[in-house]
PDB file of N, CA and C in Angstrom:
ATOM      1  N   MET A   1     -21.227  11.325  -1.212  1.00  0.00           N
ATOM      2  CA  MET A   1     -20.300  10.231  -1.375  1.00  0.00           C
ATOM      3  C   MET A   1     -18.902  10.670  -0.937  1.00  0.00           C
ATOM      4  N   LYS A   2     -18.291   9.900  -0.078  1.00  0.00           N
ATOM      5  CA  LYS A   2     -16.950  10.220   0.391  1.00  0.00           C
ATOM      6  C   LYS A   2     -15.908   9.734  -0.605  1.00  0.00           C
ATOM      7  N   VAL A   3     -14.832  10.513  -0.716  1.00  0.00           N
ATOM      8  CA  VAL A   3     -13.708  10.113  -1.546  1.00  0.00           C
ATOM      9  C   VAL A   3     -12.723   9.370  -0.657  1.00  0.00           C
ATOM     10  N   ILE A   4     -12.284   8.210  -1.113  1.00  0.00           N
ATOM     11  CA  ILE A   4     -11.333   7.412  -0.345  1.00  0.00           C
ATOM     12  C   ILE A   4      -9.924   7.877  -0.679  1.00  0.00           C
ATOM     13  N   GLN A   5      -9.115   8.062   0.336  1.00  0.00           N
ATOM     14  CA  GLN A   5      -7.720   8.459   0.153  1.00  0.00           C
ATOM     15  C   GLN A   5      -7.043   7.438  -0.757  1.00  0.00           C
ATOM     16  N   PRO A   6      -6.241   7.878  -1.749  1.00  0.00           N
ATOM     17  CA  PRO A   6      -5.658   6.963  -2.736  1.00  0.00           C
ATOM     18  C   PRO A   6      -4.878   5.787  -2.134  1.00  0.00           C
ATOM     19  N   GLY A   7      -4.112   6.038  -1.087  1.00  0.00           N
ATOM     20  CA  GLY A   7      -3.354   4.953  -0.468  1.00  0.00           C
ATOM     21  C   GLY A   7      -4.257   3.897   0.132  1.00  0.00           C
ATOM     22  N   LEU A   8      -5.298   4.331   0.807  1.00  0.00           N
ATOM     23  CA  LEU A   8      -6.260   3.394   1.379  1.00  0.00           C
ATOM     24  C   LEU A   8      -6.959   2.622   0.265  1.00  0.00           C
ATOM     25  N   PHE A   9      -7.329   3.313  -0.792  1.00  0.00           N
ATOM     26  CA  PHE A   9      -7.983   2.664  -1.922  1.00  0.00           C
ATOM     27  C   PHE A   9      -7.087   1.577  -2.517  1.00  0.00           C
ATOM     28  N   SER A  10      -5.807   1.862  -2.664  1.00  0.00           N
ATOM     29  CA  SER A  10      -4.867   0.875  -3.205  1.00  0.00           C
ATOM     30  C   SER A  10      -4.781  -0.361  -2.320  1.00  0.00           C
ATOM     31  N   ILE A  11      -4.748  -0.141  -1.023  1.00  0.00           N
ATOM     32  CA  ILE A  11      -4.672  -1.261  -0.091  1.00  0.00           C
ATOM     33  C   ILE A  11      -5.982  -2.051  -0.113  1.00  0.00           C
ATOM     34  N   MET A  12      -7.097  -1.353  -0.197  1.00  0.00           N
ATOM     35  CA  MET A  12      -8.394  -2.041  -0.270  1.00  0.00           C
ATOM     36  C   MET A  12      -8.510  -2.869  -1.547  1.00  0.00           C
ATOM     37  N   ARG A  13      -7.959  -2.352  -2.622  1.00  0.00           N
ATOM     38  CA  ARG A  13      -7.959  -3.110  -3.877  1.00  0.00           C
ATOM     39  C   ARG A  13      -7.112  -4.370  -3.753  1.00  0.00           C
ATOM     40  N   ARG A  14      -6.015  -4.265  -3.015  1.00  0.00           N
ATOM     41  CA  ARG A  14      -5.122  -5.410  -2.824  1.00  0.00           C
ATOM     42  C   ARG A  14      -5.751  -6.454  -1.889  1.00  0.00           C
ATOM     43  N   PHE A  15      -6.484  -5.983  -0.877  1.00  0.00           N
ATOM     44  CA  PHE A  15      -7.105  -6.868   0.114  1.00  0.00           C
ATOM     45  C   PHE A  15      -8.609  -6.583   0.198  1.00  0.00           C
ATOM     46  N   PRO A  16      -9.353  -6.928  -0.843  1.00  0.00           N
ATOM     47  CA  PRO A  16     -10.781  -6.566  -0.873  1.00  0.00           C
ATOM     48  C   PRO A  16     -11.607  -7.188   0.258  1.00  0.00           C
ATOM     49  N   ASP A  17     -11.213  -8.326   0.761  1.00  0.00           N
ATOM     50  CA  ASP A  17     -11.964  -8.957   1.855  1.00  0.00           C
ATOM     51  C   ASP A  17     -11.805  -8.220   3.182  1.00  0.00           C
ATOM     52  N   LEU A  18     -10.845  -7.308   3.236  1.00  0.00           N
ATOM     53  CA  LEU A  18     -10.564  -6.583   4.486  1.00  0.00           C
ATOM     54  C   LEU A  18     -10.996  -5.120   4.421  1.00  0.00           C
ATOM     55  N   ARG A  19     -11.811  -4.773   3.459  1.00  0.00           N
ATOM     56  CA  ARG A  19     -12.194  -3.372   3.248  1.00  0.00           C
ATOM     57  C   ARG A  19     -12.699  -2.689   4.516  1.00  0.00           C
ATOM     58  N   ASP A  20     -13.621  -3.320   5.218  1.00  0.00           N
ATOM     59  CA  ASP A  20     -14.214  -2.698   6.402  1.00  0.00           C
ATOM     60  C   ASP A  20     -13.181  -2.516   7.514  1.00  0.00           C
ATOM     61  N   VAL A  21     -12.356  -3.519   7.717  1.00  0.00           N
ATOM     62  CA  VAL A  21     -11.319  -3.430   8.749  1.00  0.00           C
ATOM     63  C   VAL A  21     -10.305  -2.347   8.383  1.00  0.00           C
ATOM     64  N   LEU A  22      -9.918  -2.307   7.118  1.00  0.00           N
ATOM     65  CA  LEU A  22      -8.957  -1.292   6.667  1.00  0.00           C
ATOM     66  C   LEU A  22      -9.537   0.110   6.821  1.00  0.00           C
ATOM     67  N   ARG A  23     -10.789   0.290   6.431  1.00  0.00           N
ATOM     68  CA  ARG A  23     -11.433   1.605   6.546  1.00  0.00           C
ATOM     69  C   ARG A  23     -11.488   2.050   8.009  1.00  0.00           C
ATOM     70  N   HIS A  24     -11.884   1.142   8.890  1.00  0.00           N
ATOM     71  CA  HIS A  24     -11.948   1.475  10.312  1.00  0.00           C
ATOM     72  C   HIS A  24     -10.562   1.835  10.851  1.00  0.00           C
ATOM     73  N   ARG A  25      -9.573   1.049  10.481  1.00  0.00           N
ATOM     74  CA  ARG A  25      -8.207   1.315  10.946  1.00  0.00           C
ATOM     75  C   ARG A  25      -7.736   2.679  10.452  1.00  0.00           C
ATOM     76  N   PHE A  26      -8.044   3.001   9.200  1.00  0.00           N
ATOM     77  CA  PHE A  26      -7.652   4.286   8.624  1.00  0.00           C
ATOM     78  C   PHE A  26      -8.286   5.443   9.392  1.00  0.00           C
ATOM     79  N   LEU A  27      -9.557   5.320   9.713  1.00  0.00           N
ATOM     80  CA  LEU A  27     -10.270   6.394  10.397  1.00  0.00           C
ATOM     81  C   LEU A  27      -9.842   6.564  11.846  1.00  0.00           C
ATOM     82  N   SER A  28      -9.278   5.513  12.428  1.00  0.00           N
ATOM     83  CA  SER A  28      -8.936   5.570  13.846  1.00  0.00           C
ATOM     84  C   SER A  28      -7.450   5.690  14.142  1.00  0.00           C
ATOM     85  N   SER A  29      -6.604   5.696  13.116  1.00  0.00           N
ATOM     86  CA  SER A  29      -5.165   5.673  13.372  1.00  0.00           C
ATOM     87  C   SER A  29      -4.396   6.587  12.417  1.00  0.00           C
ATOM     88  N   GLU A  30      -3.783   7.602  12.976  1.00  0.00           N
ATOM     89  CA  GLU A  30      -2.947   8.490  12.168  1.00  0.00           C
ATOM     90  C   GLU A  30      -1.736   7.752  11.610  1.00  0.00           C
ATOM     91  N   SER A  31      -1.186   6.835  12.379  1.00  0.00           N
ATOM     92  CA  SER A  31      -0.024   6.090  11.883  1.00  0.00           C
ATOM     93  C   SER A  31      -0.424   5.202  10.700  1.00  0.00           C
ATOM     94  N   PHE A  32      -1.630   4.642  10.732  1.00  0.00           N
ATOM     95  CA  PHE A  32      -2.089   3.841   9.603  1.00  0.00           C
ATOM     96  C   PHE A  32      -2.337   4.728   8.381  1.00  0.00           C
ATOM     97  N   GLN A  33      -2.806   5.934   8.598  1.00  0.00           N
ATOM     98  CA  GLN A  33      -2.979   6.875   7.494  1.00  0.00           C
ATOM     99  C   GLN A  33      -1.627   7.158   6.827  1.00  0.00           C
ATOM    100  N   SER A  34      -0.598   7.287   7.630  1.00  0.00           N
ATOM    101  CA  SER A  34       0.746   7.505   7.108  1.00  0.00           C
ATOM    102  C   SER A  34       1.233   6.293   6.318  1.00  0.00           C
ATOM    103  N   ILE A  35       0.961   5.106   6.831  1.00  0.00           N
ATOM    104  CA  ILE A  35       1.324   3.876   6.131  1.00  0.00           C
ATOM    105  C   ILE A  35       0.623   3.829   4.768  1.00  0.00           C
ATOM    106  N   CYS A  36      -0.625   4.228   4.729  1.00  0.00           N
ATOM    107  CA  CYS A  36      -1.378   4.239   3.472  1.00  0.00           C
ATOM    108  C   CYS A  36      -0.741   5.189   2.453  1.00  0.00           C
ATOM    109  N   LYS A  37      -0.322   6.347   2.907  1.00  0.00           N
ATOM    110  CA  LYS A  37       0.345   7.300   2.014  1.00  0.00           C
ATOM    111  C   LYS A  37       1.659   6.722   1.501  1.00  0.00           C
ATOM    112  N   ASP A  38       2.414   6.089   2.379  1.00  0.00           N
ATOM    113  CA  ASP A  38       3.679   5.468   1.976  1.00  0.00           C
ATOM    114  C   ASP A  38       3.437   4.337   0.986  1.00  0.00           C
ATOM    115  N   TYR A  39       2.397   3.564   1.216  1.00  0.00           N
ATOM    116  CA  TYR A  39       2.045   2.469   0.319  1.00  0.00           C
ATOM    117  C   TYR A  39       1.728   3.019  -1.079  1.00  0.00           C
ATOM    118  N   GLN A  40       0.993   4.105  -1.120  1.00  0.00           N
ATOM    119  CA  GLN A  40       0.650   4.716  -2.402  1.00  0.00           C
ATOM    120  C   GLN A  40       1.913   5.204  -3.118  1.00  0.00           C
ATOM    121  N   ARG A  41       2.799   5.866  -2.406  1.00  0.00           N
ATOM    122  CA  ARG A  41       4.046   6.344  -3.011  1.00  0.00           C
ATOM    123  C   ARG A  41       4.875   5.179  -3.551  1.00  0.00           C
ATOM    124  N   CYS A  42       4.942   4.114  -2.780  1.00  0.00           N
ATOM    125  CA  CYS A  42       5.691   2.932  -3.201  1.00  0.00           C
ATOM    126  C   CYS A  42       5.055   2.315  -4.452  1.00  0.00           C
ATOM    127  N   SER A  43       3.750   2.242  -4.483  1.00  0.00           N
ATOM    128  CA  SER A  43       3.043   1.711  -5.655  1.00  0.00           C
ATOM    129  C   SER A  43       3.315   2.556  -6.894  1.00  0.00           C
ATOM    130  N   GLU A  44       3.326   3.862  -6.716  1.00  0.00           N
ATOM    131  CA  GLU A  44       3.602   4.765  -7.831  1.00  0.00           C
ATOM    132  C   GLU A  44       5.033   4.599  -8.329  1.00  0.00           C
ATOM    133  N   ALA A  45       5.971   4.463  -7.411  1.00  0.00           N
ATOM    134  CA  ALA A  45       7.371   4.261  -7.799  1.00  0.00           C
ATOM    135  C   ALA A  45       7.533   2.928  -8.531  1.00  0.00           C
ATOM    136  N   LEU A  46       6.866   1.909  -8.054  1.00  0.00           N
ATOM    137  CA  LEU A  46       6.912   0.595  -8.698  1.00  0.00           C
ATOM    138  C   LEU A  46       6.395   0.702 -10.135  1.00  0.00           C
ATOM    139  N   ALA A  47       5.287   1.387 -10.331  1.00  0.00           N
ATOM    140  CA  ALA A  47       4.726   1.570 -11.670  1.00  0.00           C
ATOM    141  C   ALA A  47       5.679   2.365 -12.561  1.00  0.00           C
ATOM    142  N   TYR A  48       6.314   3.386 -11.994  1.00  0.00           N
ATOM    143  CA  TYR A  48       7.270   4.187 -12.757  1.00  0.00           C
ATOM    144  C   TYR A  48       8.432   3.324 -13.260  1.00  0.00           C
ATOM    145  N   TRP A  49       9.025   2.559 -12.348  1.00  0.00           N
ATOM    146  CA  TRP A  49      10.190   1.748 -12.719  1.00  0.00           C
ATOM    147  C   TRP A  49       9.799   0.595 -13.635  1.00  0.00           C
ATOM    148  N   ALA A  50       8.566   0.139 -13.564  1.00  0.00           N
ATOM    149  CA  ALA A  50       8.108  -0.915 -14.461  1.00  0.00           C
ATOM    150  C   ALA A  50       8.100  -0.443 -15.914  1.00  0.00           C
ATOM    151  N   LYS A  51       7.872   0.850 -16.122  1.00  0.00           N
ATOM    152  CA  LYS A  51       7.796   1.416 -17.469  1.00  0.00           C
ATOM    153  C   LYS A  51       9.103   2.051 -17.936  1.00  0.00           C
ATOM    154  N   SER A  52      10.010   2.296 -17.005  1.00  0.00           N
ATOM    155  CA  SER A  52      11.239   3.004 -17.323  1.00  0.00           C
ATOM    156  C   SER A  52      12.170   2.166 -18.199  1.00  0.00           C
ATOM    157  N   GLU A  53      12.882   2.854 -19.075  1.00  0.00           N
ATOM    158  CA  GLU A  53      13.893   2.197 -19.894  1.00  0.00           C
ATOM    159  C   GLU A  53      15.300   2.473 -19.372  1.00  0.00           C
ATOM    160  N   HIS A  54      15.386   3.098 -18.227  1.00  0.00           N
ATOM    161  CA  HIS A  54      16.675   3.387 -17.612  1.00  0.00           C
ATOM    162  C   HIS A  54      17.396   2.072 -17.323  1.00  0.00           C
ATOM    163  N   GLU A  55      18.703   2.076 -17.434  1.00  0.00           N
ATOM    164  CA  GLU A  55      19.469   0.839 -17.217  1.00  0.00           C
ATOM    165  C   GLU A  55      19.314   0.276 -15.809  1.00  0.00           C
ATOM    166  N   LYS A  56      19.023   1.133 -14.855  1.00  0.00           N
ATOM    167  CA  LYS A  56      18.834   0.687 -13.473  1.00  0.00           C
ATOM    168  C   LYS A  56      17.389   0.290 -13.164  1.00  0.00           C
ATOM    169  N   ALA A  57      16.515   0.428 -14.136  1.00  0.00           N
ATOM    170  CA  ALA A  57      15.089   0.173 -13.906  1.00  0.00           C
ATOM    171  C   ALA A  57      14.800  -1.220 -13.349  1.00  0.00           C
ATOM    172  N   PRO A  58      15.379  -2.275 -13.882  1.00  0.00           N
ATOM    173  CA  PRO A  58      15.066  -3.600 -13.317  1.00  0.00           C
ATOM    174  C   PRO A  58      15.441  -3.723 -11.838  1.00  0.00           C
ATOM    175  N   ASP A  59      16.577  -3.147 -11.464  1.00  0.00           N
ATOM    176  CA  ASP A  59      16.994  -3.186 -10.063  1.00  0.00           C
ATOM    177  C   ASP A  59      16.056  -2.374  -9.180  1.00  0.00           C
ATOM    178  N   ARG A  60      15.704  -1.180  -9.633  1.00  0.00           N
ATOM    179  CA  ARG A  60      14.818  -0.321  -8.849  1.00  0.00           C
ATOM    180  C   ARG A  60      13.432  -0.951  -8.738  1.00  0.00           C
ATOM    181  N   TYR A  61      12.969  -1.525  -9.832  1.00  0.00           N
ATOM    182  CA  TYR A  61      11.667  -2.191  -9.813  1.00  0.00           C
ATOM    183  C   TYR A  61      11.671  -3.297  -8.758  1.00  0.00           C
ATOM    184  N   GLN A  62      12.697  -4.107  -8.758  1.00  0.00           N
ATOM    185  CA  GLN A  62      12.785  -5.207  -7.800  1.00  0.00           C
ATOM    186  C   GLN A  62      12.831  -4.692  -6.360  1.00  0.00           C
ATOM    187  N   GLU A  63      13.565  -3.610  -6.127  1.00  0.00           N
ATOM    188  CA  GLU A  63      13.652  -3.024  -4.782  1.00  0.00           C
ATOM    189  C   GLU A  63      12.277  -2.555  -4.305  1.00  0.00           C
ATOM    190  N   TYR A  64      11.557  -1.867  -5.186  1.00  0.00           N
ATOM    191  CA  TYR A  64      10.229  -1.376  -4.796  1.00  0.00           C
ATOM    192  C   TYR A  64       9.223  -2.509  -4.658  1.00  0.00           C
ATOM    193  N   LEU A  65       9.370  -3.558  -5.434  1.00  0.00           N
ATOM    194  CA  LEU A  65       8.489  -4.716  -5.305  1.00  0.00           C
ATOM    195  C   LEU A  65       8.676  -5.381  -3.942  1.00  0.00           C
ATOM    196  N   VAL A  66       9.915  -5.545  -3.534  1.00  0.00           N
ATOM    197  CA  VAL A  66      10.203  -6.119  -2.211  1.00  0.00           C
ATOM    198  C   VAL A  66       9.639  -5.215  -1.121  1.00  0.00           C
ATOM    199  N   LEU A  67       9.877  -3.919  -1.246  1.00  0.00           N
ATOM    200  CA  LEU A  67       9.372  -2.965  -0.255  1.00  0.00           C
ATOM    201  C   LEU A  67       7.846  -3.016  -0.174  1.00  0.00           C
ATOM    202  N   LEU A  68       7.185  -3.080  -1.319  1.00  0.00           N
ATOM    203  CA  LEU A  68       5.727  -3.136  -1.326  1.00  0.00           C
ATOM    204  C   LEU A  68       5.225  -4.395  -0.615  1.00  0.00           C
ATOM    205  N   HIS A  69       5.853  -5.515  -0.866  1.00  0.00           N
ATOM    206  CA  HIS A  69       5.455  -6.761  -0.193  1.00  0.00           C
ATOM    207  C   HIS A  69       5.700  -6.689   1.313  1.00  0.00           C
ATOM    208  N   GLU A  70       6.794  -6.070   1.713  1.00  0.00           N
ATOM    209  CA  GLU A  70       7.058  -5.892   3.143  1.00  0.00           C
ATOM    210  C   GLU A  70       6.004  -5.002   3.780  1.00  0.00           C
ATOM    211  N   MET A  71       5.619  -3.945   3.075  1.00  0.00           N
ATOM    212  CA  MET A  71       4.583  -3.050   3.591  1.00  0.00           C
ATOM    213  C   MET A  71       3.255  -3.783   3.720  1.00  0.00           C
ATOM    214  N   GLU A  72       2.932  -4.610   2.739  1.00  0.00           N
ATOM    215  CA  GLU A  72       1.687  -5.376   2.806  1.00  0.00           C
ATOM    216  C   GLU A  72       1.684  -6.304   4.016  1.00  0.00           C
ATOM    217  N   SER A  73       2.807  -6.913   4.260  1.00  0.00           N
ATOM    218  CA  SER A  73       2.920  -7.796   5.430  1.00  0.00           C
ATOM    219  C   SER A  73       2.742  -6.996   6.720  1.00  0.00           C
ATOM    220  N   ASP A  74       3.376  -5.835   6.799  1.00  0.00           N
ATOM    221  CA  ASP A  74       3.241  -4.974   7.980  1.00  0.00           C
ATOM    222  C   ASP A  74       1.791  -4.520   8.170  1.00  0.00           C
ATOM    223  N   ILE A  75       1.132  -4.193   7.071  1.00  0.00           N
ATOM    224  CA  ILE A  75      -0.262  -3.752   7.141  1.00  0.00           C
ATOM    225  C   ILE A  75      -1.135  -4.861   7.715  1.00  0.00           C
ATOM    226  N   ILE A  76      -0.998  -6.055   7.190  1.00  0.00           N
ATOM    227  CA  ILE A  76      -1.796  -7.186   7.664  1.00  0.00           C
ATOM    228  C   ILE A  76      -1.520  -7.467   9.137  1.00  0.00           C
ATOM    229  N   GLN A  77      -0.258  -7.415   9.523  1.00  0.00           N
ATOM    230  CA  GLN A  77       0.094  -7.680  10.921  1.00  0.00           C
ATOM    231  C   GLN A  77      -0.421  -6.607  11.866  1.00  0.00           C
ATOM    232  N   SER A  78      -0.632  -5.394  11.354  1.00  0.00           N
ATOM    233  CA  SER A  78      -1.093  -4.298  12.213  1.00  0.00           C
ATOM    234  C   SER A  78      -2.598  -4.330  12.452  1.00  0.00           C
ATOM    235  N   LEU A  79      -3.306  -5.130  11.675  1.00  0.00           N
ATOM    236  CA  LEU A  79      -4.760  -5.184  11.805  1.00  0.00           C
ATOM    237  C   LEU A  79      -5.173  -6.061  12.984  1.00  0.00           C
ATOM    238  N   PRO A  80      -6.315  -5.726  13.564  1.00  0.00           N
ATOM    239  CA  PRO A  80      -6.834  -6.606  14.632  1.00  0.00           C
ATOM    240  C   PRO A  80      -7.113  -7.983  14.044  1.00  0.00           C
ATOM    241  N   LYS A  81      -6.904  -8.984  14.829  1.00  0.00           N
ATOM    242  CA  LYS A  81      -7.119 -10.358  14.379  1.00  0.00           C
ATOM    243  C   LYS A  81      -8.615 -10.646  14.317  1.00  0.00           C
ATOM    244  N   VAL A  82      -9.158 -10.675  13.115  1.00  0.00           N
ATOM    245  CA  VAL A  82     -10.584 -10.904  12.921  1.00  0.00           C
ATOM    246  C   VAL A  82     -10.841 -12.182  12.137  1.00  0.00           C
ATOM    247  N   PHE A  83      -9.805 -12.926  11.906  1.00  0.00           N
ATOM    248  CA  PHE A  83      -9.927 -14.127  11.057  1.00  0.00           C
ATOM    249  C   PHE A  83     -10.275 -15.325  11.888  1.00  0.00           C
TER     250      PHE A  83
END
């Protein structure tokens, strides 16, 4: 059984209908692998700021939420049109 890279797994969880396309893209593109790692880091930061009691936490959470949505849009746009 292969272990799925955490970033790819997170993206697959977000877009379950695109699992096969995402997996293929990951295996064939180093730049997509990098995007997956960045997506995972962003997701982790979002989770951190969601739990933080720091006074800046709401602002940081919002910044990472926007960034995550932008990354999701970029990911979808980078995929071959199969719809």
